[in-house]
Amino acid sequence: MVEWESCIEEDPALNDEVHSSHLGMVVHAGTYRVIARRLRMA
């Protein structure tokens, strides 16, 4: 486990934030929107 600050990218466009608990991310629609957008970027 790492501190969240160590996960920040230099390019602000690559930083995503989802307001959810850690375990709640699996059912949070916003999480899947971020994943889909990032996959389209790949």
PDB file of N, CA and C in Angstrom:
ATOM      1  N   MET A   1       0.848  -1.158   0.000  1.00  0.00           N
ATOM      2  CA  MET A   1       0.000   0.000   0.000  1.00  0.00           C
ATOM      3  C   MET A   1       0.904   1.234   0.000  1.00  0.00           C
ATOM      4  N   VAL A   2       0.516   2.217  -0.764  1.00  0.00           N
ATOM      5  CA  VAL A   2       1.300   3.455  -0.861  1.00  0.00           C
ATOM      6  C   VAL A   2       0.405   4.651  -0.549  1.00  0.00           C
ATOM      7  N   GLU A   3       1.028   5.750  -0.232  1.00  0.00           N
ATOM      8  CA  GLU A   3       0.272   6.986  -0.012  1.00  0.00           C
ATOM      9  C   GLU A   3      -0.271   7.473  -1.353  1.00  0.00           C
ATOM     10  N   TRP A   4      -1.462   8.036  -1.335  1.00  0.00           N
ATOM     11  CA  TRP A   4      -2.105   8.450  -2.578  1.00  0.00           C
ATOM     12  C   TRP A   4      -1.285   9.502  -3.317  1.00  0.00           C
ATOM     13  N   GLU A   5      -0.514  10.300  -2.605  1.00  0.00           N
ATOM     14  CA  GLU A   5       0.276  11.350  -3.249  1.00  0.00           C
ATOM     15  C   GLU A   5       1.318  10.769  -4.203  1.00  0.00           C
ATOM     16  N   SER A   6       1.754   9.555  -3.947  1.00  0.00           N
ATOM     17  CA  SER A   6       2.765   8.941  -4.814  1.00  0.00           C
ATOM     18  C   SER A   6       2.153   8.437  -6.124  1.00  0.00           C
ATOM     19  N   CYS A   7       0.835   8.500  -6.254  1.00  0.00           N
ATOM     20  CA  CYS A   7       0.154   8.020  -7.459  1.00  0.00           C
ATOM     21  C   CYS A   7      -0.216   9.149  -8.412  1.00  0.00           C
ATOM     22  N   ILE A   8       0.150  10.366  -8.094  1.00  0.00           N
ATOM     23  CA  ILE A   8      -0.195  11.518  -8.930  1.00  0.00           C
ATOM     24  C   ILE A   8       0.731  11.572 -10.146  1.00  0.00           C
ATOM     25  N   GLU A   9       0.130  11.703 -11.332  1.00  0.00           N
ATOM     26  CA  GLU A   9       0.887  11.843 -12.568  1.00  0.00           C
ATOM     27  C   GLU A   9       1.230  13.314 -12.801  1.00  0.00           C
ATOM     28  N   GLU A  10       2.318  13.572 -13.515  1.00  0.00           N
ATOM     29  CA  GLU A  10       2.705  14.950 -13.820  1.00  0.00           C
ATOM     30  C   GLU A  10       1.672  15.629 -14.714  1.00  0.00           C
ATOM     31  N   ASP A  11       1.118  14.882 -15.665  1.00  0.00           N
ATOM     32  CA  ASP A  11       0.098  15.416 -16.570  1.00  0.00           C
ATOM     33  C   ASP A  11      -1.260  15.335 -15.864  1.00  0.00           C
ATOM     34  N   PRO A  12      -1.866  16.484 -15.539  1.00  0.00           N
ATOM     35  CA  PRO A  12      -3.143  16.477 -14.826  1.00  0.00           C
ATOM     36  C   PRO A  12      -4.248  15.712 -15.545  1.00  0.00           C
ATOM     37  N   ALA A  13      -4.178  15.595 -16.865  1.00  0.00           N
ATOM     38  CA  ALA A  13      -5.199  14.869 -17.621  1.00  0.00           C
ATOM     39  C   ALA A  13      -5.167  13.374 -17.310  1.00  0.00           C
ATOM     40  N   LEU A  14      -4.098  12.902 -16.710  1.00  0.00           N
ATOM     41  CA  LEU A  14      -3.960  11.479 -16.396  1.00  0.00           C
ATOM     42  C   LEU A  14      -4.357  11.148 -14.969  1.00  0.00           C
ATOM     43  N   ASN A  15      -4.803  12.139 -14.220  1.00  0.00           N
ATOM     44  CA  ASN A  15      -5.222  11.924 -12.836  1.00  0.00           C
ATOM     45  C   ASN A  15      -6.744  11.862 -12.763  1.00  0.00           C
ATOM     46  N   ASP A  16      -7.249  10.779 -12.220  1.00  0.00           N
ATOM     47  CA  ASP A  16      -8.694  10.596 -12.086  1.00  0.00           C
ATOM     48  C   ASP A  16      -9.033  10.406 -10.621  1.00  0.00           C
ATOM     49  N   GLU A  17     -10.180  10.927 -10.227  1.00  0.00           N
ATOM     50  CA  GLU A  17     -10.636  10.785  -8.852  1.00  0.00           C
ATOM     51  C   GLU A  17     -12.061  10.253  -8.857  1.00  0.00           C
ATOM     52  N   VAL A  18     -12.286   9.226  -8.072  1.00  0.00           N
ATOM     53  CA  VAL A  18     -13.612   8.650  -7.922  1.00  0.00           C
ATOM     54  C   VAL A  18     -13.968   8.726  -6.450  1.00  0.00           C
ATOM     55  N   HIS A  19     -15.102   9.314  -6.142  1.00  0.00           N
ATOM     56  CA  HIS A  19     -15.530   9.451  -4.746  1.00  0.00           C
ATOM     57  C   HIS A  19     -16.265   8.186  -4.324  1.00  0.00           C
ATOM     58  N   SER A  20     -15.529   7.289  -3.691  1.00  0.00           N
ATOM     59  CA  SER A  20     -16.067   6.001  -3.289  1.00  0.00           C
ATOM     60  C   SER A  20     -15.165   5.423  -2.209  1.00  0.00           C
ATOM     61  N   SER A  21     -15.708   4.501  -1.449  1.00  0.00           N
ATOM     62  CA  SER A  21     -14.843   3.766  -0.536  1.00  0.00           C
ATOM     63  C   SER A  21     -13.998   2.799  -1.361  1.00  0.00           C
ATOM     64  N   HIS A  22     -12.949   2.266  -0.761  1.00  0.00           N
ATOM     65  CA  HIS A  22     -12.079   1.347  -1.490  1.00  0.00           C
ATOM     66  C   HIS A  22     -12.870   0.132  -1.980  1.00  0.00           C
ATOM     67  N   LEU A  23     -13.638  -0.465  -1.109  1.00  0.00           N
ATOM     68  CA  LEU A  23     -14.427  -1.639  -1.498  1.00  0.00           C
ATOM     69  C   LEU A  23     -15.614  -1.272  -2.380  1.00  0.00           C
ATOM     70  N   GLY A  24     -16.108  -0.037  -2.241  1.00  0.00           N
ATOM     71  CA  GLY A  24     -17.253   0.397  -3.031  1.00  0.00           C
ATOM     72  C   GLY A  24     -16.934   0.658  -4.484  1.00  0.00           C
ATOM     73  N   MET A  25     -15.642   0.766  -4.824  1.00  0.00           N
ATOM     74  CA  MET A  25     -15.264   1.043  -6.215  1.00  0.00           C
ATOM     75  C   MET A  25     -15.771  -0.020  -7.179  1.00  0.00           C
ATOM     76  N   VAL A  26     -15.897  -1.246  -6.711  1.00  0.00           N
ATOM     77  CA  VAL A  26     -16.314  -2.345  -7.582  1.00  0.00           C
ATOM     78  C   VAL A  26     -17.756  -2.175  -8.069  1.00  0.00           C
ATOM     79  N   VAL A  27     -18.575  -1.411  -7.370  1.00  0.00           N
ATOM     80  CA  VAL A  27     -19.967  -1.200  -7.783  1.00  0.00           C
ATOM     81  C   VAL A  27     -20.261   0.258  -8.132  1.00  0.00           C
ATOM     82  N   HIS A  28     -19.240   1.099  -8.152  1.00  0.00           N
ATOM     83  CA  HIS A  28     -19.412   2.530  -8.409  1.00  0.00           C
ATOM     84  C   HIS A  28     -19.347   2.802  -9.915  1.00  0.00           C
ATOM     85  N   ALA A  29     -20.412   3.361 -10.472  1.00  0.00           N
ATOM     86  CA  ALA A  29     -20.476   3.612 -11.919  1.00  0.00           C
ATOM     87  C   ALA A  29     -19.348   4.525 -12.387  1.00  0.00           C
ATOM     88  N   GLY A  30     -18.971   5.488 -11.574  1.00  0.00           N
ATOM     89  CA  GLY A  30     -17.902   6.408 -11.952  1.00  0.00           C
ATOM     90  C   GLY A  30     -16.577   5.705 -12.165  1.00  0.00           C
ATOM     91  N   THR A  31     -16.337   4.649 -11.413  1.00  0.00           N
ATOM     92  CA  THR A  31     -15.115   3.869 -11.582  1.00  0.00           C
ATOM     93  C   THR A  31     -15.062   3.273 -12.974  1.00  0.00           C
ATOM     94  N   TYR A  32     -16.176   2.726 -13.423  1.00  0.00           N
ATOM     95  CA  TYR A  32     -16.213   2.102 -14.740  1.00  0.00           C
ATOM     96  C   TYR A  32     -16.138   3.135 -15.859  1.00  0.00           C
ATOM     97  N   ARG A  33     -16.655   4.330 -15.639  1.00  0.00           N
ATOM     98  CA  ARG A  33     -16.508   5.398 -16.638  1.00  0.00           C
ATOM     99  C   ARG A  33     -15.043   5.769 -16.803  1.00  0.00           C
ATOM    100  N   VAL A  34     -14.327   5.878 -15.685  1.00  0.00           N
ATOM    101  CA  VAL A  34     -12.897   6.211 -15.741  1.00  0.00           C
ATOM    102  C   VAL A  34     -12.128   5.094 -16.454  1.00  0.00           C
ATOM    103  N   ILE A  35     -12.410   3.842 -16.112  1.00  0.00           N
ATOM    104  CA  ILE A  35     -11.714   2.718 -16.748  1.00  0.00           C
ATOM    105  C   ILE A  35     -11.983   2.712 -18.243  1.00  0.00           C
ATOM    106  N   ALA A  36     -13.237   2.912 -18.645  1.00  0.00           N
ATOM    107  CA  ALA A  36     -13.582   2.919 -20.078  1.00  0.00           C
ATOM    108  C   ALA A  36     -12.858   4.036 -20.801  1.00  0.00           C
ATOM    109  N   ARG A  37     -12.820   5.221 -20.205  1.00  0.00           N
ATOM    110  CA  ARG A  37     -12.133   6.352 -20.847  1.00  0.00           C
ATOM    111  C   ARG A  37     -10.643   6.067 -20.988  1.00  0.00           C
ATOM    112  N   ARG A  38     -10.041   5.505 -19.951  1.00  0.00           N
ATOM    113  CA  ARG A  38      -8.608   5.204 -19.997  1.00  0.00           C
ATOM    114  C   ARG A  38      -8.302   4.106 -21.017  1.00  0.00           C
ATOM    115  N   LEU A  39      -9.193   3.130 -21.163  1.00  0.00           N
ATOM    116  CA  LEU A  39      -8.992   2.091 -22.176  1.00  0.00           C
ATOM    117  C   LEU A  39      -9.096   2.663 -23.590  1.00  0.00           C
ATOM    118  N   ARG A  40      -9.985   3.638 -23.780  1.00  0.00           N
ATOM    119  CA  ARG A  40     -10.086   4.283 -25.094  1.00  0.00           C
ATOM    120  C   ARG A  40      -8.819   5.055 -25.421  1.00  0.00           C
ATOM    121  N   MET A  41      -8.135   5.558 -24.409  1.00  0.00           N
ATOM    122  CA  MET A  41      -6.899   6.311 -24.606  1.00  0.00           C
ATOM    123  C   MET A  41      -5.731   5.404 -24.983  1.00  0.00           C
ATOM    124  N   ALA A  42      -5.826   4.134 -24.668  1.00  0.00           N
ATOM    125  CA  ALA A  42      -4.699   3.209 -24.866  1.00  0.00           C
ATOM    126  C   ALA A  42      -4.497   2.874 -26.330  1.00  0.00           C
TER     127      ALA A  42
END
